[in-house]
Amino acid sequence: MKIELATSPLDADLKRISDGISAFNEKFLPNDDSFDAGFRFALFARNDENEIIGGIQASVVWSYCVLELLWLSEETRGSGIGSKLMTELELFSKEKGLQQIRTETLDFQAKPFYEKNGYRVYGEINDSPKGHTTYFLVKEL
């Protein structure tokens, strides 16, 4: 046996790990949804020139959605586009039978925005990254 570090792993090798844990988890958490855990999707906000001015990157884990990234261009912040993206994320998640949306944010990012949109903090890590706090948030659907 040998242990190997891969800083640019092959997709097939990553798939082997993903398939292995999925097979194990299936014994306890059968997936009866219309897509497999690990399904990734995105929502985009585009301007009149069809340029992306904001968006969400998310994935499915078992029965919940993980909001991985939320970004809004500087000029769109405070205009309601972020809330519209969040509404669409919730609608899609509910349509797919997901029970909650989870995300994390740093102290200088969007905690008040998430709270305004019905998310609650369920955990935090102080001084991670150094000098900041990471907040973990959830919204029940």
C-alpha atoms as a PDB file:
ATOM      1  CA  MET A   1       0.000   0.000   0.000  1.00  0.00           C
ATOM      2  CA  LYS A   2       1.064   3.582  -0.617  1.00  0.00           C
ATOM      3  CA  ILE A   3      -0.430   6.978   0.161  1.00  0.00           C
ATOM      4  CA  GLU A   4      -0.385   9.441  -2.721  1.00  0.00           C
ATOM      5  CA  LEU A   5      -1.034  13.192  -2.684  1.00  0.00           C
ATOM      6  CA  ALA A   6      -2.575  14.502  -5.913  1.00  0.00           C
ATOM      7  CA  THR A   7      -2.760  18.269  -6.278  1.00  0.00           C
ATOM      8  CA  SER A   8      -4.408  17.848  -9.701  1.00  0.00           C
ATOM      9  CA  PRO A   9      -6.429  14.648  -9.245  1.00  0.00           C
ATOM     10  CA  LEU A  10      -8.007  12.914 -12.219  1.00  0.00           C
ATOM     11  CA  ASP A  11     -11.781  13.182 -12.519  1.00  0.00           C
ATOM     12  CA  ALA A  12     -12.002   9.380 -12.622  1.00  0.00           C
ATOM     13  CA  ASP A  13     -10.101   9.102  -9.339  1.00  0.00           C
ATOM     14  CA  LEU A  14     -12.355  11.675  -7.658  1.00  0.00           C
ATOM     15  CA  LYS A  15     -15.388   9.821  -9.013  1.00  0.00           C
ATOM     16  CA  ARG A  16     -14.134   6.585  -7.420  1.00  0.00           C
ATOM     17  CA  ILE A  17     -14.095   8.248  -3.990  1.00  0.00           C
ATOM     18  CA  SER A  18     -17.495   9.856  -4.546  1.00  0.00           C
ATOM     19  CA  ASP A  19     -19.044   6.616  -5.804  1.00  0.00           C
ATOM     20  CA  GLY A  20     -17.536   4.689  -2.888  1.00  0.00           C
ATOM     21  CA  ILE A  21     -18.966   6.947  -0.192  1.00  0.00           C
ATOM     22  CA  SER A  22     -22.299   7.135  -2.021  1.00  0.00           C
ATOM     23  CA  ALA A  23     -22.550   3.340  -2.051  1.00  0.00           C
ATOM     24  CA  PHE A  24     -21.794   3.210   1.679  1.00  0.00           C
ATOM     25  CA  ASN A  25     -24.240   6.019   2.533  1.00  0.00           C
ATOM     26  CA  GLU A  26     -27.019   4.495   0.430  1.00  0.00           C
ATOM     27  CA  LYS A  27     -27.466   1.749   3.020  1.00  0.00           C
ATOM     28  CA  PHE A  28     -28.505   4.421   5.516  1.00  0.00           C
ATOM     29  CA  LEU A  29     -29.729   7.287   3.329  1.00  0.00           C
ATOM     30  CA  PRO A  30     -31.341   5.932   0.186  1.00  0.00           C
ATOM     31  CA  ASN A  31     -31.641   8.619  -2.458  1.00  0.00           C
ATOM     32  CA  ASP A  32     -35.217   8.800  -3.660  1.00  0.00           C
ATOM     33  CA  ASP A  33     -34.874  12.232  -5.247  1.00  0.00           C
ATOM     34  CA  SER A  34     -34.833  13.039  -8.932  1.00  0.00           C
ATOM     35  CA  PHE A  35     -31.066  13.491  -8.840  1.00  0.00           C
ATOM     36  CA  ASP A  36     -28.093  12.067  -6.988  1.00  0.00           C
ATOM     37  CA  ALA A  37     -26.358  13.675  -4.046  1.00  0.00           C
ATOM     38  CA  GLY A  38     -23.527  15.777  -5.392  1.00  0.00           C
ATOM     39  CA  PHE A  39     -25.722  17.283  -8.126  1.00  0.00           C
ATOM     40  CA  ARG A  40     -24.406  20.804  -8.830  1.00  0.00           C
ATOM     41  CA  PHE A  41     -26.297  23.726 -10.253  1.00  0.00           C
ATOM     42  CA  ALA A  42     -26.140  27.502 -10.575  1.00  0.00           C
ATOM     43  CA  LEU A  43     -28.410  30.515 -10.802  1.00  0.00           C
ATOM     44  CA  PHE A  44     -27.316  33.574 -12.761  1.00  0.00           C
ATOM     45  CA  ALA A  45     -28.403  37.211 -12.791  1.00  0.00           C
ATOM     46  CA  ARG A  46     -27.599  38.855 -16.128  1.00  0.00           C
ATOM     47  CA  ASN A  47     -27.816  42.460 -17.258  1.00  0.00           C
ATOM     48  CA  ASP A  48     -29.302  43.675 -20.550  1.00  0.00           C
ATOM     49  CA  GLU A  49     -25.992  42.912 -22.287  1.00  0.00           C
ATOM     50  CA  ASN A  50     -26.281  39.291 -21.040  1.00  0.00           C
ATOM     51  CA  GLU A  51     -23.259  39.728 -18.735  1.00  0.00           C
ATOM     52  CA  ILE A  52     -23.318  37.881 -15.422  1.00  0.00           C
ATOM     53  CA  ILE A  53     -23.755  40.433 -12.651  1.00  0.00           C
ATOM     54  CA  GLY A  54     -24.408  37.943  -9.865  1.00  0.00           C
ATOM     55  CA  GLY A  55     -25.055  34.340  -9.158  1.00  0.00           C
ATOM     56  CA  ILE A  56     -25.254  31.334  -6.893  1.00  0.00           C
ATOM     57  CA  GLN A  57     -23.329  28.074  -7.081  1.00  0.00           C
ATOM     58  CA  ALA A  58     -24.939  25.235  -5.132  1.00  0.00           C
ATOM     59  CA  SER A  59     -25.082  21.473  -4.751  1.00  0.00           C
ATOM     60  CA  VAL A  60     -27.266  18.770  -3.233  1.00  0.00           C
ATOM     61  CA  VAL A  61     -26.187  16.627  -0.292  1.00  0.00           C
ATOM     62  CA  TRP A  62     -28.721  13.985   0.729  1.00  0.00           C
ATOM     63  CA  SER A  63     -31.879  15.954   1.492  1.00  0.00           C
ATOM     64  CA  TYR A  64     -30.460  19.464   1.636  1.00  0.00           C
ATOM     65  CA  CYS A  65     -28.965  22.125  -0.584  1.00  0.00           C
ATOM     66  CA  VAL A  66     -25.512  23.568   0.045  1.00  0.00           C
ATOM     67  CA  LEU A  67     -25.232  27.167  -1.091  1.00  0.00           C
ATOM     68  CA  GLU A  68     -21.526  27.156  -1.936  1.00  0.00           C
ATOM     69  CA  LEU A  69     -21.050  30.620  -3.396  1.00  0.00           C
ATOM     70  CA  LEU A  70     -23.141  33.771  -3.683  1.00  0.00           C
ATOM     71  CA  TRP A  71     -21.667  36.710  -5.556  1.00  0.00           C
ATOM     72  CA  LEU A  72     -23.100  40.058  -6.625  1.00  0.00           C
ATOM     73  CA  SER A  73     -21.236  42.667  -8.620  1.00  0.00           C
ATOM     74  CA  GLU A  74     -20.537  45.837  -6.680  1.00  0.00           C
ATOM     75  CA  GLU A  75     -23.125  47.863  -8.614  1.00  0.00           C
ATOM     76  CA  THR A  76     -25.948  45.362  -7.960  1.00  0.00           C
ATOM     77  CA  ARG A  77     -25.554  45.058  -4.199  1.00  0.00           C
ATOM     78  CA  GLY A  78     -28.538  46.445  -2.314  1.00  0.00           C
ATOM     79  CA  SER A  79     -30.765  46.359  -5.408  1.00  0.00           C
ATOM     80  CA  GLY A  80     -32.761  43.238  -4.475  1.00  0.00           C
ATOM     81  CA  ILE A  81     -31.040  40.953  -6.992  1.00  0.00           C
ATOM     82  CA  GLY A  82     -29.495  38.876  -4.204  1.00  0.00           C
ATOM     83  CA  SER A  83     -32.897  38.293  -2.606  1.00  0.00           C
ATOM     84  CA  LYS A  84     -34.359  37.334  -5.993  1.00  0.00           C
ATOM     85  CA  LEU A  85     -31.562  34.791  -6.479  1.00  0.00           C
ATOM     86  CA  MET A  86     -32.229  33.407  -2.989  1.00  0.00           C
ATOM     87  CA  THR A  87     -35.961  33.110  -3.729  1.00  0.00           C
ATOM     88  CA  GLU A  88     -35.219  31.145  -6.901  1.00  0.00           C
ATOM     89  CA  LEU A  89     -32.802  28.910  -4.986  1.00  0.00           C
ATOM     90  CA  GLU A  90     -35.481  28.163  -2.403  1.00  0.00           C
ATOM     91  CA  LEU A  91     -38.125  27.474  -5.066  1.00  0.00           C
ATOM     92  CA  PHE A  92     -35.838  25.063  -6.920  1.00  0.00           C
ATOM     93  CA  SER A  93     -34.826  23.348  -3.664  1.00  0.00           C
ATOM     94  CA  LYS A  94     -38.451  22.921  -2.574  1.00  0.00           C
ATOM     95  CA  GLU A  95     -39.420  21.637  -6.022  1.00  0.00           C
ATOM     96  CA  LYS A  96     -36.736  18.973  -5.685  1.00  0.00           C
ATOM     97  CA  GLY A  97     -37.987  17.958  -2.238  1.00  0.00           C
ATOM     98  CA  LEU A  98     -35.021  19.303  -0.279  1.00  0.00           C
ATOM     99  CA  GLN A  99     -35.601  20.054   3.393  1.00  0.00           C
ATOM    100  CA  GLN A 100     -33.137  22.856   4.043  1.00  0.00           C
ATOM    101  CA  ILE A 101     -30.443  25.108   2.625  1.00  0.00           C
ATOM    102  CA  ARG A 102     -27.103  25.412   4.400  1.00  0.00           C
ATOM    103  CA  THR A 103     -24.308  27.877   3.810  1.00  0.00           C
ATOM    104  CA  GLU A 104     -21.388  29.562   5.496  1.00  0.00           C
ATOM    105  CA  THR A 105     -20.137  33.123   5.463  1.00  0.00           C
ATOM    106  CA  LEU A 106     -17.368  35.174   7.020  1.00  0.00           C
ATOM    107  CA  ASP A 107     -17.844  38.082   9.419  1.00  0.00           C
ATOM    108  CA  PHE A 108     -17.125  40.634   6.651  1.00  0.00           C
ATOM    109  CA  GLN A 109     -19.399  39.000   4.079  1.00  0.00           C
ATOM    110  CA  ALA A 110     -23.171  38.413   4.085  1.00  0.00           C
ATOM    111  CA  LYS A 111     -24.342  37.243   7.531  1.00  0.00           C
ATOM    112  CA  PRO A 112     -26.947  40.055   7.902  1.00  0.00           C
ATOM    113  CA  PHE A 113     -28.192  39.367   4.360  1.00  0.00           C
ATOM    114  CA  TYR A 114     -28.735  35.681   5.086  1.00  0.00           C
ATOM    115  CA  GLU A 115     -30.433  36.436   8.407  1.00  0.00           C
ATOM    116  CA  LYS A 116     -32.735  38.932   6.650  1.00  0.00           C
ATOM    117  CA  ASN A 117     -33.664  36.101   4.285  1.00  0.00           C
ATOM    118  CA  GLY A 118     -34.650  33.738   7.107  1.00  0.00           C
ATOM    119  CA  TYR A 119     -31.383  31.905   7.812  1.00  0.00           C
ATOM    120  CA  ARG A 120     -30.213  31.245  11.353  1.00  0.00           C
ATOM    121  CA  VAL A 121     -26.689  30.704  12.635  1.00  0.00           C
ATOM    122  CA  TYR A 122     -26.173  27.164  13.933  1.00  0.00           C
ATOM    123  CA  GLY A 123     -22.435  27.336  14.478  1.00  0.00           C
ATOM    124  CA  GLU A 124     -19.361  29.489  14.283  1.00  0.00           C
ATOM    125  CA  ILE A 125     -15.609  29.152  14.328  1.00  0.00           C
ATOM    126  CA  ASN A 126     -13.629  32.040  15.732  1.00  0.00           C
ATOM    127  CA  ASP A 127     -10.277  33.074  14.283  1.00  0.00           C
ATOM    128  CA  SER A 128     -10.851  31.033  11.117  1.00  0.00           C
ATOM    129  CA  PRO A 129      -9.477  32.313   8.875  1.00  0.00           C
ATOM    130  CA  LYS A 130      -7.084  34.105  11.193  1.00  0.00           C
ATOM    131  CA  GLY A 131      -8.606  37.301  12.516  1.00  0.00           C
ATOM    132  CA  HIS A 132     -12.140  36.475  11.343  1.00  0.00           C
ATOM    133  CA  THR A 133     -15.177  34.397  12.260  1.00  0.00           C
ATOM    134  CA  THR A 134     -16.863  31.828  10.023  1.00  0.00           C
ATOM    135  CA  TYR A 135     -20.626  31.479  10.508  1.00  0.00           C
ATOM    136  CA  PHE A 136     -22.639  28.411   9.501  1.00  0.00           C
ATOM    137  CA  LEU A 137     -26.264  29.141   8.606  1.00  0.00           C
ATOM    138  CA  VAL A 138     -29.348  27.084   7.759  1.00  0.00           C
ATOM    139  CA  LYS A 139     -32.864  27.725   6.524  1.00  0.00           C
ATOM    140  CA  GLU A 140     -35.582  25.103   6.891  1.00  0.00           C
ATOM    141  CA  LEU A 141     -37.774  24.816   3.792  1.00  0.00           C
END
